[in-house]
């Protein structure tokens, strides 16, 4: 699983705001500045996680995730912040966030649910360690809170709950300051809930011509990012999105705009097969979910597409040589 170099550049900039120079950070990370030159390059989740842990070490700020989301310039995320700033309504802004998530990561990290007057952002950031997951959850939650304050004036959003799957940290007073005492820890999942007047209330001072230009640019970036992926990568992302329900190969082929026979041939040319990719998707998702201590092994089994926990246990042992419990213990 991978995240965009956009995230890495944003991290370097955020660390810089804490007094750690980009040169020092990159030297400690053994990264060449050239590795960040591709505006839409990719980093593995494991490499990005190591960079996040390094940021905690160098800044000496365990609450760095909160402060990153709170203090960093919104424009560090390429075309998305200016596009969101020109949204016609809060719903329009949320739609843009959801649609263009593939620019930033190989699988969606934010889900949105609207129950009419009450809405929820569910947070499932990519990370390879417990501390990395906590940091990215904090950063994402605070960034979304900033968006609600900056973009949703007409909808009048009011946060009502802030839940976090991780344990209460030593710096919980920072949560109280930022989330107004609404933060709750050791929850089944991480999410921000808010009430609103009307998501479709038009925002004033928006430039419609600029919005169209930024939308077109975001579509071009999305097409480039997705188009440069191999058929194997595109199919794996598709399977991940459909888990735990599963996806039959004919349906997958239609979603990718080709016949089943063509998809089978393209995968063979790339040295892969449909069954292998489904298994790889399950492995990646399972490892990702096991880094979240709030997820029970039964829940991980279900979300990975297994009807029985015992079947998941056997498959995971075959994939990794470890039981799910052993893998989770080693990742903590």
Foldseek 3Di string as FASTA:
>chain_A
DKWWLLVVQLLLVLLVVLVQHSVNLCVVLVHDPVVSVPVGDIDHQASVQVSVVVSCVVSVDLLSLQCSLVPGDPCSNPLLVVLLLQAFFQVSNVVSCVVLQVSTDLADQWDKDDDDQKIKIFGQDFHQFLSSRVSNLNNVVSNVVVSCVNGHPQFPKDWDAWEALAACDPVNVVVCVRVVPRYDYNDLGTMIMIGTNDRNGTDPPHDVVVSVVSVVVSVVSSCVSLVVDALLSNLLSVQLVPPQVGDDQQRSQVVVPHGSVVSQVSQVVVVHGPVRSLLVSLLVQLSSVLNRVSQDLQNSCRRSHHPDSVVVQVSNCVVPVDGSVVSSVVRD
